[in-house]
Amino acid sequence: MIVVRSICLALSLLALIHPGLNAAEKDSRYEEAVQRALAAVYSWQYSVAEKEFAGMEQLRPGFPAPSVYRELLDSWRAADDPGNSDLVAAFQRDSAVAISACKDWIAKHPQDPDGWRYLASAYGQASQFAISVVPNTMDAAKFGHRMHSAVLKARSLETADNQNPDTLLGLGAYDYYAARLPAYIRPVARLLGVSGDRQKGLSEIEEAMQHGWHLKIEAAMVRASAYWVEGQYGDVARTIEDHIAGRYPALLPARALEISACICDGRLEEARTLVLRIPADHSWRDFQLGRIELAKQDEPGARNAIASFNHSLKESGTNLSILTWDYIGRDLALKRLGEFHGEDWHQDKRIAPPAIPLAGRYFHVPHQCSR
């Protein structure tokens, strides 16, 4: 599942690149708006992001980029709180709008590679959503296939003066994860012409992370996911710390992965220190502290975990998935202590049921994490 999510993460955002305007002044203004919009998305400044989307729409009427960036914003919000039905509905609505906007643009400008890149992004984000937020294997495969076709079409239309290092992210993810396919899948993959190169893929991802125009954050997440697959948890944490945390310290889905990496690497005290310096509300922090204590696998840790989960619940944060996982974590701690747990410990079923099957991503045992 980590592999599939990572492929989709890389290719889903492949299209978020230079819009290719003809007029230099307008091009510069559009690029500035794109950068401000991305900064707002990664900083959770939703109203600022929407303002930038509106400005982009005025600069280039009909171009689908603002719709696809809005879909991107929705995807990050839903990734942070996957059990929230309102966020899920917002993504599904805006994803359909983004795909439609891309198709409308392509119908009028079939030879414009930017339109195809944004269509690839819109499909890819829908595919990734169907894996990590609302699991649906058929939708993930359907949108993933459409995404790949759009990427190939965009590549076929590229010229020497219309290229961007961000495209290396999609290529790198493909090369890396195709080389990492499970043994039982490889014969079928070879028949379909799928092959990869691990080192080449990592190099391409690194190039996009260092020199990309719009995809440095996504490239860092893909590299971190690649290291996770290989069990190199220290490298997961360092990648996020060095390439994401400094610019966007409150990008909580990324920071949660960083915390998980520290837990899986057995560096629980480092994980605790990390949580305390992340700018987040008390409910989110206390949940993270609770899962760190639970990872100690002993009675004092279980009791401390219960206290942290209780604190998180009392803070009544707006993240419904965190509240759901608080109850699940508290239940796990009680089971470890062998203590009775009644109906009051199963509130998770009434807050955000879709978050329940995703809880396993957050409760880890050091040095025994699933790859």
Protein backbone atom coordinates (compact mmCIF):
# COMPACT_ATOMS: atom_id res chain seq x y z
CA MET A 1 0.00 0.00 0.00
CA ILE A 2 2.88 2.39 0.79
CA VAL A 3 4.30 1.70 -2.69
CA VAL A 4 1.02 2.39 -4.46
CA ARG A 5 0.34 5.54 -2.45
CA SER A 6 3.82 6.83 -3.23
CA ILE A 7 3.53 6.23 -6.97
CA CYS A 8 0.26 8.09 -7.03
CA LEU A 9 1.63 10.91 -4.88
CA ALA A 10 4.48 11.48 -7.32
CA LEU A 11 2.56 11.22 -10.56
CA SER A 12 -0.58 12.89 -9.25
CA LEU A 13 1.29 16.16 -8.81
CA LEU A 14 3.43 15.87 -11.93
CA ALA A 15 1.41 18.52 -13.69
CA LEU A 16 1.77 21.32 -11.15
CA ILE A 17 4.41 23.12 -13.19
CA HIS A 18 5.10 26.26 -15.17
CA PRO A 19 1.92 27.41 -16.93
CA GLY A 20 3.68 28.32 -20.18
CA LEU A 21 2.19 31.75 -20.87
CA ASN A 22 3.41 33.60 -23.94
CA ALA A 23 3.60 37.20 -22.63
CA ALA A 24 6.63 37.57 -20.37
CA GLU A 25 5.02 40.01 -17.94
CA LYS A 26 1.85 37.99 -17.63
CA ASP A 27 3.92 34.83 -17.32
CA SER A 28 5.86 36.34 -14.42
CA ARG A 29 2.71 37.46 -12.64
CA TYR A 30 1.12 34.04 -13.09
CA GLU A 31 4.19 32.26 -11.77
CA GLU A 32 4.26 34.52 -8.72
CA ALA A 33 0.60 33.73 -8.10
CA VAL A 34 1.31 29.98 -8.40
CA GLN A 35 4.13 30.21 -5.85
CA ARG A 36 1.98 32.21 -3.42
CA ALA A 37 -0.86 29.73 -3.85
CA LEU A 38 1.40 26.74 -3.16
CA ALA A 39 2.87 28.44 -0.08
CA ALA A 40 -0.65 29.06 1.20
CA VAL A 41 -1.69 25.45 0.57
CA TYR A 42 1.30 24.06 2.46
CA SER A 43 0.81 26.57 5.29
CA TRP A 44 -2.91 25.72 5.72
CA GLN A 45 -3.90 29.28 4.76
CA TYR A 46 -7.01 28.33 2.85
CA SER A 47 -8.50 31.81 2.35
CA VAL A 48 -5.16 33.09 1.03
CA ALA A 49 -4.94 30.15 -1.37
CA GLU A 50 -8.45 30.82 -2.67
CA LYS A 51 -7.55 34.47 -3.26
CA GLU A 52 -4.56 33.41 -5.34
CA PHE A 53 -6.68 30.93 -7.30
CA ALA A 54 -9.07 33.76 -8.15
CA GLY A 55 -6.17 35.93 -9.30
CA MET A 56 -4.85 33.14 -11.52
CA GLU A 57 -8.28 32.74 -13.10
CA GLN A 58 -8.27 36.43 -14.02
CA LEU A 59 -4.77 36.25 -15.48
CA ARG A 60 -5.53 33.28 -17.70
CA PRO A 61 -9.27 32.68 -18.06
CA GLY A 62 -10.25 29.09 -18.70
CA PHE A 63 -6.86 27.58 -17.89
CA PRO A 64 -7.40 24.65 -15.48
CA ALA A 65 -4.47 25.25 -13.12
CA PRO A 66 -6.51 26.97 -10.34
CA SER A 67 -9.01 24.12 -10.29
CA VAL A 68 -6.23 21.54 -10.04
CA TYR A 69 -4.50 23.49 -7.25
CA ARG A 70 -7.81 23.65 -5.40
CA GLU A 71 -8.01 19.87 -5.76
CA LEU A 72 -4.47 19.73 -4.33
CA LEU A 73 -5.51 21.82 -1.34
CA ASP A 74 -8.49 19.54 -0.75
CA SER A 75 -6.27 16.46 -0.97
CA TRP A 76 -3.93 17.71 1.77
CA ARG A 77 -6.85 18.66 4.00
CA ALA A 78 -8.46 15.26 3.54
CA ALA A 79 -5.15 13.48 4.13
CA ASP A 80 -4.93 15.24 7.49
CA ASP A 81 -8.49 14.24 8.48
CA PRO A 82 -9.60 11.34 6.26
CA GLY A 83 -12.61 10.51 8.41
CA ASN A 84 -14.22 13.92 7.89
CA SER A 85 -17.13 13.49 5.46
CA ASP A 86 -17.25 17.21 4.65
CA LEU A 87 -13.60 17.23 3.55
CA VAL A 88 -14.14 14.05 1.55
CA ALA A 89 -17.13 15.60 -0.22
CA ALA A 90 -15.18 18.79 -0.94
CA PHE A 91 -12.40 16.83 -2.59
CA GLN A 92 -14.77 14.74 -4.67
CA ARG A 93 -16.61 17.85 -5.86
CA ASP A 94 -13.49 19.84 -6.69
CA SER A 95 -11.76 16.86 -8.26
CA ALA A 96 -14.64 16.46 -10.73
CA VAL A 97 -14.46 20.19 -11.48
CA ALA A 98 -10.68 20.02 -12.04
CA ILE A 99 -10.92 17.06 -14.43
CA SER A 100 -13.71 18.77 -16.37
CA ALA A 101 -11.75 22.03 -16.59
CA CYS A 102 -8.70 20.20 -17.94
CA LYS A 103 -10.77 18.39 -20.56
CA ASP A 104 -12.41 21.64 -21.65
CA TRP A 105 -9.00 23.29 -22.08
CA ILE A 106 -7.58 20.32 -24.00
CA ALA A 107 -10.59 20.28 -26.33
CA LYS A 108 -9.69 23.85 -27.34
CA HIS A 109 -5.90 23.44 -27.13
CA PRO A 110 -5.12 19.77 -27.91
CA GLN A 111 -1.44 20.44 -28.61
CA ASP A 112 -0.77 22.26 -25.32
CA PRO A 113 1.30 19.94 -23.09
CA ASP A 114 0.43 22.01 -20.02
CA GLY A 115 -3.23 21.08 -20.34
CA TRP A 116 -2.32 17.40 -20.46
CA ARG A 117 0.01 17.77 -17.48
CA TYR A 118 -2.72 19.30 -15.40
CA LEU A 119 -5.13 16.59 -16.50
CA ALA A 120 -2.57 14.01 -15.36
CA SER A 121 -2.40 15.77 -12.02
CA ALA A 122 -6.17 15.87 -11.61
CA TYR A 123 -6.49 12.16 -12.39
CA GLY A 124 -3.52 11.28 -10.21
CA GLN A 125 -4.86 13.10 -7.19
CA ALA A 126 -8.17 11.27 -7.62
CA SER A 127 -6.26 7.98 -7.77
CA GLN A 128 -4.22 8.76 -4.66
CA PHE A 129 -7.38 9.82 -2.82
CA ALA A 130 -8.94 6.44 -3.65
CA ILE A 131 -5.98 4.75 -1.95
CA SER A 132 -5.16 6.84 1.10
CA VAL A 133 -8.39 8.59 2.09
CA VAL A 134 -11.41 6.64 0.83
CA PRO A 135 -9.98 3.25 -0.23
CA ASN A 136 -11.48 2.06 -3.51
CA THR A 137 -9.27 -0.22 -5.56
CA MET A 138 -11.28 0.14 -8.76
CA ASP A 139 -11.22 3.94 -8.66
CA ALA A 140 -7.51 3.95 -7.85
CA ALA A 141 -6.76 1.75 -10.84
CA LYS A 142 -9.12 3.61 -13.17
CA PHE A 143 -7.80 7.08 -12.38
CA GLY A 144 -4.22 5.82 -12.25
CA HIS A 145 -4.50 4.43 -15.78
CA ARG A 146 -5.99 7.68 -17.06
CA MET A 147 -3.28 9.63 -15.32
CA HIS A 148 -0.52 7.61 -16.99
CA SER A 149 -2.06 8.09 -20.43
CA ALA A 150 -2.21 11.86 -19.88
CA VAL A 151 1.42 11.93 -18.75
CA LEU A 152 2.54 10.12 -21.90
CA LYS A 153 0.53 12.50 -24.07
CA ALA A 154 2.08 15.52 -22.35
CA ARG A 155 5.58 14.11 -22.85
CA SER A 156 4.90 13.55 -26.54
CA LEU A 157 4.00 17.23 -26.97
CA GLU A 158 6.99 18.68 -25.10
CA THR A 159 9.56 20.76 -26.94
CA ALA A 160 13.02 21.93 -25.93
CA ASP A 161 11.66 25.24 -24.64
CA ASN A 162 8.74 23.73 -22.75
CA GLN A 163 10.37 21.43 -20.24
CA ASN A 164 10.70 21.58 -16.49
CA PRO A 165 12.74 19.62 -13.93
CA ASP A 166 9.49 18.89 -12.08
CA THR A 167 8.70 16.26 -14.72
CA LEU A 168 11.62 14.25 -13.35
CA LEU A 169 9.53 13.49 -10.28
CA GLY A 170 7.03 11.48 -12.27
CA LEU A 171 9.79 9.74 -14.20
CA GLY A 172 11.76 9.05 -11.04
CA ALA A 173 8.80 7.64 -9.16
CA TYR A 174 8.01 5.35 -12.08
CA ASP A 175 11.61 4.15 -12.42
CA TYR A 176 12.00 3.59 -8.69
CA TYR A 177 8.73 1.85 -7.88
CA ALA A 178 8.70 -0.22 -11.07
CA ALA A 179 12.04 -1.61 -9.90
CA ARG A 180 10.56 -2.28 -6.44
CA LEU A 181 7.50 -4.25 -7.52
CA PRO A 182 6.86 -7.42 -5.49
CA ALA A 183 8.28 -10.57 -7.06
CA TYR A 184 4.86 -12.08 -7.76
CA ILE A 185 3.86 -9.03 -9.84
CA ARG A 186 7.05 -8.69 -11.89
CA PRO A 187 6.28 -11.34 -14.56
CA VAL A 188 2.96 -9.66 -15.39
CA ALA A 189 4.61 -6.23 -15.26
CA ARG A 190 7.27 -7.33 -17.74
CA LEU A 191 4.58 -8.56 -20.12
CA LEU A 192 3.03 -5.10 -19.92
CA GLY A 193 6.37 -3.46 -20.64
CA VAL A 194 6.82 -2.14 -17.10
CA SER A 195 10.42 -2.03 -15.92
CA GLY A 196 12.41 0.23 -13.66
CA ASP A 197 15.75 1.24 -12.25
CA ARG A 198 16.01 1.96 -8.53
CA GLN A 199 19.09 4.15 -8.58
CA LYS A 200 18.01 6.09 -11.66
CA GLY A 201 14.64 6.70 -10.07
CA LEU A 202 16.16 7.99 -6.84
CA SER A 203 18.45 10.30 -8.81
CA GLU A 204 15.53 11.74 -10.78
CA ILE A 205 13.51 12.27 -7.60
CA GLU A 206 16.51 13.97 -6.01
CA GLU A 207 16.88 16.28 -9.02
CA ALA A 208 13.22 17.29 -8.81
CA MET A 209 13.52 17.85 -5.08
CA GLN A 210 16.55 20.09 -5.47
CA HIS A 211 15.73 21.97 -8.68
CA GLY A 212 12.01 21.60 -9.36
CA TRP A 213 9.91 24.72 -9.80
CA HIS A 214 6.69 23.67 -8.10
CA LEU A 215 7.18 20.12 -6.86
CA LYS A 216 10.00 20.26 -4.32
CA ILE A 217 7.68 19.43 -1.43
CA GLU A 218 6.03 16.54 -3.26
CA ALA A 219 9.41 15.24 -4.38
CA ALA A 220 10.59 15.25 -0.77
CA MET A 221 7.50 13.27 0.23
CA VAL A 222 8.13 10.75 -2.53
CA ARG A 223 11.75 10.33 -1.49
CA ALA A 224 10.67 9.92 2.13
CA SER A 225 8.14 7.29 1.05
CA ALA A 226 10.82 5.46 -0.91
CA TYR A 227 13.03 5.32 2.16
CA TRP A 228 10.05 4.11 4.19
CA VAL A 229 9.55 1.21 1.78
CA GLU A 230 13.19 0.24 2.30
CA GLY A 231 12.96 0.54 6.07
CA GLN A 232 15.43 3.45 6.18
CA TYR A 233 13.45 5.34 8.79
CA GLY A 234 16.27 7.69 9.73
CA ASP A 235 16.42 8.88 6.12
CA VAL A 236 12.63 9.33 6.10
CA ALA A 237 12.84 11.68 9.07
CA ARG A 238 15.87 13.56 7.72
CA THR A 239 14.26 14.10 4.33
CA ILE A 240 11.16 15.66 5.86
CA GLU A 241 13.13 17.67 8.38
CA ASP A 242 15.61 19.01 5.82
CA HIS A 243 13.30 19.62 2.85
CA ILE A 244 9.83 20.28 4.27
CA ALA A 245 9.83 21.19 7.95
CA GLY A 246 12.00 24.27 7.57
CA ARG A 247 9.64 25.92 5.08
CA TYR A 248 6.32 24.44 6.17
CA PRO A 249 6.58 23.29 9.79
CA ALA A 250 2.79 22.95 10.13
CA LEU A 251 2.29 20.60 7.16
CA LEU A 252 0.92 18.00 9.56
CA PRO A 253 0.56 14.93 7.31
CA ALA A 254 4.28 15.21 6.52
CA ARG A 255 5.19 15.76 10.17
CA ALA A 256 3.09 12.77 11.22
CA LEU A 257 5.13 10.62 8.83
CA GLU A 258 8.31 12.05 10.33
CA ILE A 259 7.10 11.11 13.81
CA SER A 260 6.24 7.60 12.60
CA ALA A 261 9.74 7.24 11.19
CA CYS A 262 11.28 8.16 14.54
CA ILE A 263 9.02 5.65 16.32
CA CYS A 264 9.83 2.88 13.85
CA ASP A 265 13.54 3.62 14.25
CA GLY A 266 13.22 3.26 18.02
CA ARG A 267 14.06 6.93 18.67
CA LEU A 268 11.09 7.61 20.93
CA GLU A 269 12.60 10.47 22.90
CA GLU A 270 13.53 12.22 19.65
CA ALA A 271 9.97 11.70 18.46
CA ARG A 272 8.66 13.30 21.64
CA THR A 273 10.95 16.31 21.26
CA LEU A 274 9.84 16.64 17.65
CA VAL A 275 6.15 16.69 18.60
CA LEU A 276 6.67 19.45 21.14
CA ARG A 277 8.20 21.81 18.59
CA ILE A 278 5.66 21.28 15.79
CA PRO A 279 3.18 24.19 15.56
CA ALA A 280 -0.10 22.32 16.00
CA ASP A 281 -3.10 22.40 18.31
CA HIS A 282 -3.01 20.55 21.64
CA SER A 283 -5.33 17.80 20.47
CA TRP A 284 -3.00 16.83 17.60
CA ARG A 285 0.09 17.04 19.80
CA ASP A 286 -1.42 14.96 22.61
CA PHE A 287 -2.46 12.27 20.15
CA GLN A 288 1.09 12.08 18.82
CA LEU A 289 2.49 11.91 22.35
CA GLY A 290 0.02 9.14 23.15
CA ARG A 291 1.12 6.97 20.27
CA ILE A 292 4.76 7.50 21.21
CA GLU A 293 4.05 6.32 24.77
CA LEU A 294 2.08 3.36 23.45
CA ALA A 295 5.08 2.37 21.33
CA LYS A 296 7.11 1.78 24.51
CA GLN A 297 5.28 -1.53 24.90
CA ASP A 298 5.25 -1.44 28.70
CA GLU A 299 2.82 -0.66 31.52
CA PRO A 300 4.08 2.88 32.32
CA GLY A 301 3.95 3.73 28.63
CA ALA A 302 0.39 2.41 28.36
CA ARG A 303 -0.75 4.50 31.32
CA ASN A 304 0.97 7.60 29.95
CA ALA A 305 -0.63 6.92 26.58
CA ILE A 306 -4.09 6.81 28.15
CA ALA A 307 -3.42 10.15 29.83
CA SER A 308 -2.29 11.71 26.55
CA PHE A 309 -5.26 10.38 24.60
CA ASN A 310 -7.58 11.66 27.33
CA HIS A 311 -5.97 15.10 27.11
CA SER A 312 -6.41 15.07 23.35
CA LEU A 313 -10.08 14.22 23.70
CA LYS A 314 -10.64 16.98 26.27
CA GLU A 315 -9.10 19.52 23.92
CA SER A 316 -11.90 18.68 21.46
CA GLY A 317 -9.91 19.50 18.33
CA THR A 318 -11.61 19.93 14.97
CA ASN A 319 -9.84 16.93 13.44
CA LEU A 320 -12.46 14.16 13.66
CA SER A 321 -9.98 11.46 12.69
CA ILE A 322 -7.64 12.39 15.54
CA LEU A 323 -10.55 12.09 17.97
CA THR A 324 -11.41 8.69 16.52
CA TRP A 325 -7.82 7.51 16.81
CA ASP A 326 -7.67 8.80 20.40
CA TYR A 327 -10.36 6.30 21.35
CA ILE A 328 -8.65 3.52 19.41
CA GLY A 329 -5.28 4.30 21.01
CA ARG A 330 -6.80 4.41 24.46
CA ASP A 331 -8.48 1.08 23.82
CA LEU A 332 -5.15 -0.44 22.73
CA ALA A 333 -3.49 0.87 25.90
CA LEU A 334 -6.25 -0.57 28.10
CA LYS A 335 -5.95 -3.93 26.40
CA ARG A 336 -2.23 -3.87 27.07
CA LEU A 337 -2.98 -3.30 30.74
CA GLY A 338 -5.59 -6.05 30.74
CA GLU A 339 -8.22 -3.65 32.03
CA PHE A 340 -11.93 -3.74 31.25
CA HIS A 341 -13.14 -1.52 28.45
CA GLY A 342 -16.87 -1.04 27.86
CA GLU A 343 -19.05 0.74 25.38
CA ASP A 344 -17.64 4.13 26.35
CA TRP A 345 -14.32 3.07 24.81
CA HIS A 346 -15.90 2.60 21.40
CA GLN A 347 -16.87 6.14 20.61
CA ASP A 348 -14.66 5.83 17.57
CA LYS A 349 -17.58 4.14 15.80
CA ARG A 350 -19.72 7.25 16.19
CA ILE A 351 -17.29 10.08 15.39
CA ALA A 352 -15.61 9.33 12.06
CA PRO A 353 -16.10 5.66 11.08
CA PRO A 354 -14.07 5.95 7.83
CA ALA A 355 -11.00 6.79 9.92
CA ILE A 356 -11.11 3.49 11.82
CA PRO A 357 -9.48 1.23 9.19
CA LEU A 358 -6.73 3.84 8.70
CA ALA A 359 -5.66 3.81 12.34
CA GLY A 360 -3.00 1.17 11.72
CA ARG A 361 -0.86 3.80 10.01
CA TYR A 362 -0.30 5.53 13.34
CA PHE A 363 0.23 2.82 15.93
CA HIS A 364 3.69 1.33 15.46
CA VAL A 365 6.01 -1.02 17.32
CA PRO A 366 9.67 0.09 17.07
CA HIS A 367 11.74 -1.98 14.65
CA GLN A 368 8.63 -3.94 13.60
CA CYS A 369 6.98 -1.49 11.24
CA SER A 370 5.26 -2.69 8.10
CA ARG A 371 6.92 -1.59 4.89
